[in-house]
Amino acid sequence: NCNPYALDGEKVKGKIVLCEHSDRGYSKTQKLLGVKGIGGVGLVLIDDPEIHVAAVYGNFPMTVISSSDASSIFSYLNSS
């Protein structure tokens, strides 16, 4: 998950972070700020598209994808 206080700065710095938005204790904006604050360069959140509302999160690259799309990404990552 993208709990802002559980992210590993060494793993995040300079990377695009892919994580689930399953922890509703933190908003998407809080997760974005957590990733950005430790040097991440982008954020891809996995969330239910039925409840996602399009929003602008400033100048930090972020998108929200479905769990189906995430499965395709994880399959690719695990095969390379």
N, C-alpha and C. Protein backbone atom coordinates (compact mmCIF):
# COMPACT_ATOMS: atom_id res chain seq x y z
N ASN A 1 0.84 -1.19 0.00
CA ASN A 1 0.00 0.00 0.00
C ASN A 1 0.87 1.24 0.00
N CYS A 2 0.26 2.36 -0.09
CA CYS A 2 1.01 3.63 -0.14
C CYS A 2 0.84 4.44 1.13
N ASN A 3 0.82 3.78 2.26
CA ASN A 3 0.80 4.50 3.52
C ASN A 3 2.01 5.43 3.52
N PRO A 4 1.79 6.74 3.59
CA PRO A 4 2.91 7.68 3.48
C PRO A 4 4.02 7.46 4.51
N TYR A 5 3.69 6.81 5.62
CA TYR A 5 4.69 6.62 6.67
C TYR A 5 5.36 5.25 6.59
N ALA A 6 4.98 4.45 5.61
CA ALA A 6 5.55 3.10 5.48
C ALA A 6 6.39 2.94 4.23
N LEU A 7 6.48 3.98 3.42
CA LEU A 7 7.24 3.89 2.17
C LEU A 7 8.73 3.88 2.44
N ASP A 8 9.46 3.11 1.67
CA ASP A 8 10.91 3.01 1.77
C ASP A 8 11.54 3.99 0.78
N GLY A 9 12.12 5.06 1.30
CA GLY A 9 12.70 6.09 0.46
C GLY A 9 13.74 5.59 -0.52
N GLU A 10 14.51 4.59 -0.12
CA GLU A 10 15.53 4.03 -1.01
C GLU A 10 14.90 3.36 -2.22
N LYS A 11 13.75 2.74 -2.04
CA LYS A 11 13.08 2.06 -3.14
C LYS A 11 12.25 3.01 -3.99
N VAL A 12 11.82 4.12 -3.41
CA VAL A 12 10.91 5.04 -4.09
C VAL A 12 11.66 6.13 -4.87
N LYS A 13 12.77 6.60 -4.37
CA LYS A 13 13.47 7.73 -4.96
C LYS A 13 13.77 7.50 -6.45
N GLY A 14 13.30 8.45 -7.27
CA GLY A 14 13.54 8.40 -8.71
C GLY A 14 12.65 7.43 -9.47
N LYS A 15 11.65 6.86 -8.80
CA LYS A 15 10.81 5.82 -9.41
C LYS A 15 9.35 6.27 -9.53
N ILE A 16 8.64 5.59 -10.42
CA ILE A 16 7.18 5.69 -10.47
C ILE A 16 6.65 4.58 -9.58
N VAL A 17 5.84 4.93 -8.62
CA VAL A 17 5.34 3.98 -7.63
C VAL A 17 3.97 3.46 -8.05
N LEU A 18 3.81 2.14 -8.00
CA LEU A 18 2.55 1.48 -8.29
C LEU A 18 2.05 0.83 -7.01
N CYS A 19 0.87 1.22 -6.55
CA CYS A 19 0.36 0.62 -5.32
C CYS A 19 -1.16 0.68 -5.27
N GLU A 20 -1.70 -0.16 -4.39
CA GLU A 20 -3.14 -0.22 -4.21
C GLU A 20 -3.62 0.90 -3.30
N HIS A 21 -4.82 1.36 -3.59
CA HIS A 21 -5.44 2.39 -2.74
C HIS A 21 -6.41 1.70 -1.78
N SER A 22 -5.97 0.59 -1.22
CA SER A 22 -6.83 -0.20 -0.33
C SER A 22 -6.91 0.39 1.08
N ASP A 23 -5.89 1.13 1.48
CA ASP A 23 -5.87 1.74 2.81
C ASP A 23 -6.60 3.08 2.73
N ARG A 24 -7.86 3.09 3.07
CA ARG A 24 -8.67 4.31 2.97
C ARG A 24 -8.40 5.29 4.12
N GLY A 25 -7.45 4.96 4.98
CA GLY A 25 -7.09 5.87 6.06
C GLY A 25 -6.32 7.08 5.56
N TYR A 26 -5.84 7.00 4.32
CA TYR A 26 -5.10 8.10 3.72
C TYR A 26 -5.73 8.42 2.37
N SER A 27 -5.89 9.69 2.09
CA SER A 27 -6.47 10.11 0.81
C SER A 27 -5.47 9.92 -0.32
N LYS A 28 -5.96 10.00 -1.54
CA LYS A 28 -5.06 9.93 -2.70
C LYS A 28 -4.03 11.05 -2.64
N THR A 29 -4.47 12.23 -2.23
CA THR A 29 -3.55 13.37 -2.14
C THR A 29 -2.47 13.12 -1.10
N GLN A 30 -2.82 12.54 0.04
CA GLN A 30 -1.82 12.24 1.07
C GLN A 30 -0.81 11.22 0.54
N LYS A 31 -1.28 10.24 -0.19
CA LYS A 31 -0.38 9.24 -0.76
C LYS A 31 0.53 9.87 -1.79
N LEU A 32 -0.02 10.73 -2.63
CA LEU A 32 0.78 11.45 -3.62
C LEU A 32 1.87 12.27 -2.92
N LEU A 33 1.49 13.01 -1.92
CA LEU A 33 2.47 13.85 -1.21
C LEU A 33 3.53 13.01 -0.52
N GLY A 34 3.15 11.83 -0.02
CA GLY A 34 4.12 10.93 0.60
C GLY A 34 5.15 10.45 -0.40
N VAL A 35 4.69 10.01 -1.57
CA VAL A 35 5.60 9.54 -2.63
C VAL A 35 6.49 10.68 -3.10
N LYS A 36 5.89 11.82 -3.36
CA LYS A 36 6.64 12.99 -3.83
C LYS A 36 7.67 13.44 -2.78
N GLY A 37 7.26 13.42 -1.52
CA GLY A 37 8.12 13.90 -0.44
C GLY A 37 9.40 13.10 -0.25
N ILE A 38 9.40 11.83 -0.66
CA ILE A 38 10.62 11.03 -0.50
C ILE A 38 11.30 10.77 -1.84
N GLY A 39 10.93 11.57 -2.85
CA GLY A 39 11.69 11.53 -4.10
C GLY A 39 11.10 10.72 -5.23
N GLY A 40 9.88 10.19 -5.07
CA GLY A 40 9.24 9.49 -6.18
C GLY A 40 8.95 10.46 -7.31
N VAL A 41 8.88 9.95 -8.54
CA VAL A 41 8.66 10.84 -9.69
C VAL A 41 7.28 10.65 -10.31
N GLY A 42 6.48 9.74 -9.79
CA GLY A 42 5.13 9.52 -10.29
C GLY A 42 4.42 8.50 -9.44
N LEU A 43 3.09 8.44 -9.59
CA LEU A 43 2.29 7.52 -8.79
C LEU A 43 1.18 6.92 -9.64
N VAL A 44 1.06 5.60 -9.59
CA VAL A 44 -0.05 4.88 -10.22
C VAL A 44 -0.79 4.17 -9.10
N LEU A 45 -2.03 4.58 -8.87
CA LEU A 45 -2.84 3.98 -7.81
C LEU A 45 -3.83 3.00 -8.42
N ILE A 46 -3.96 1.86 -7.78
CA ILE A 46 -4.94 0.85 -8.18
C ILE A 46 -6.18 1.09 -7.32
N ASP A 47 -7.30 1.38 -7.99
CA ASP A 47 -8.52 1.68 -7.26
C ASP A 47 -9.73 1.21 -8.07
N ASP A 48 -10.85 1.12 -7.44
CA ASP A 48 -12.09 0.74 -8.09
C ASP A 48 -12.56 1.91 -8.97
N PRO A 49 -12.61 1.72 -10.29
CA PRO A 49 -12.99 2.83 -11.16
C PRO A 49 -14.43 3.29 -10.94
N GLU A 50 -15.25 2.45 -10.34
CA GLU A 50 -16.64 2.81 -10.08
C GLU A 50 -16.75 3.92 -9.03
N ILE A 51 -15.79 4.01 -8.14
CA ILE A 51 -15.87 5.03 -7.09
C ILE A 51 -14.85 6.15 -7.28
N HIS A 52 -14.00 6.03 -8.29
CA HIS A 52 -12.98 7.06 -8.51
C HIS A 52 -13.60 8.28 -9.18
N VAL A 53 -13.23 9.44 -8.71
CA VAL A 53 -13.67 10.69 -9.30
C VAL A 53 -12.44 11.35 -9.90
N ALA A 54 -12.54 11.72 -11.18
CA ALA A 54 -11.41 12.37 -11.84
C ALA A 54 -11.05 13.65 -11.09
N ALA A 55 -9.76 13.88 -10.96
CA ALA A 55 -9.29 15.07 -10.24
C ALA A 55 -7.93 15.47 -10.78
N VAL A 56 -7.56 16.69 -10.51
CA VAL A 56 -6.24 17.19 -10.88
C VAL A 56 -5.42 17.27 -9.60
N TYR A 57 -4.22 16.71 -9.65
CA TYR A 57 -3.37 16.65 -8.47
C TYR A 57 -2.13 17.52 -8.62
N GLY A 58 -2.28 18.68 -9.23
CA GLY A 58 -1.15 19.58 -9.40
C GLY A 58 -0.24 19.12 -10.51
N ASN A 59 1.04 19.42 -10.38
CA ASN A 59 1.99 19.11 -11.45
C ASN A 59 2.76 17.81 -11.22
N PHE A 60 2.32 16.99 -10.29
CA PHE A 60 2.97 15.70 -10.04
C PHE A 60 2.22 14.63 -10.81
N PRO A 61 2.91 13.83 -11.64
CA PRO A 61 2.21 12.83 -12.44
C PRO A 61 1.60 11.72 -11.59
N MET A 62 0.28 11.56 -11.74
CA MET A 62 -0.44 10.52 -11.02
C MET A 62 -1.63 10.07 -11.86
N THR A 63 -1.91 8.78 -11.82
CA THR A 63 -3.09 8.25 -12.49
C THR A 63 -3.68 7.15 -11.63
N VAL A 64 -4.93 6.80 -11.92
CA VAL A 64 -5.62 5.73 -11.22
C VAL A 64 -6.02 4.68 -12.25
N ILE A 65 -5.73 3.41 -11.95
CA ILE A 65 -6.07 2.32 -12.86
C ILE A 65 -6.92 1.28 -12.13
N SER A 66 -7.60 0.44 -12.90
CA SER A 66 -8.43 -0.62 -12.31
C SER A 66 -7.56 -1.80 -11.88
N SER A 67 -8.13 -2.67 -11.08
CA SER A 67 -7.39 -3.87 -10.66
C SER A 67 -7.14 -4.79 -11.85
N SER A 68 -8.02 -4.77 -12.84
CA SER A 68 -7.81 -5.57 -14.05
C SER A 68 -6.58 -5.08 -14.81
N ASP A 69 -6.46 -3.76 -14.97
CA ASP A 69 -5.28 -3.20 -15.63
C ASP A 69 -4.02 -3.47 -14.80
N ALA A 70 -4.15 -3.42 -13.49
CA ALA A 70 -3.01 -3.68 -12.61
C ALA A 70 -2.51 -5.11 -12.78
N SER A 71 -3.43 -6.05 -12.96
CA SER A 71 -3.03 -7.45 -13.17
C SER A 71 -2.16 -7.59 -14.40
N SER A 72 -2.50 -6.87 -15.46
CA SER A 72 -1.69 -6.89 -16.68
C SER A 72 -0.31 -6.32 -16.42
N ILE A 73 -0.25 -5.24 -15.68
CA ILE A 73 1.04 -4.61 -15.37
C ILE A 73 1.89 -5.54 -14.50
N PHE A 74 1.29 -6.14 -13.47
CA PHE A 74 2.03 -7.06 -12.60
C PHE A 74 2.52 -8.28 -13.38
N SER A 75 1.72 -8.78 -14.30
CA SER A 75 2.15 -9.92 -15.14
C SER A 75 3.37 -9.54 -15.96
N TYR A 76 3.34 -8.35 -16.53
CA TYR A 76 4.49 -7.88 -17.31
C TYR A 76 5.72 -7.73 -16.43
N LEU A 77 5.56 -7.09 -15.28
CA LEU A 77 6.70 -6.87 -14.39
C LEU A 77 7.30 -8.20 -13.92
N ASN A 78 6.46 -9.16 -13.63
CA ASN A 78 6.95 -10.46 -13.15
C ASN A 78 7.60 -11.29 -14.25
N SER A 79 7.34 -10.95 -15.51
CA SER A 79 7.92 -11.72 -16.62
C SER A 79 9.21 -11.11 -17.14
N SER A 80 9.55 -9.92 -16.70
CA SER A 80 10.76 -9.27 -17.22
C SER A 80 11.87 -9.18 -16.20
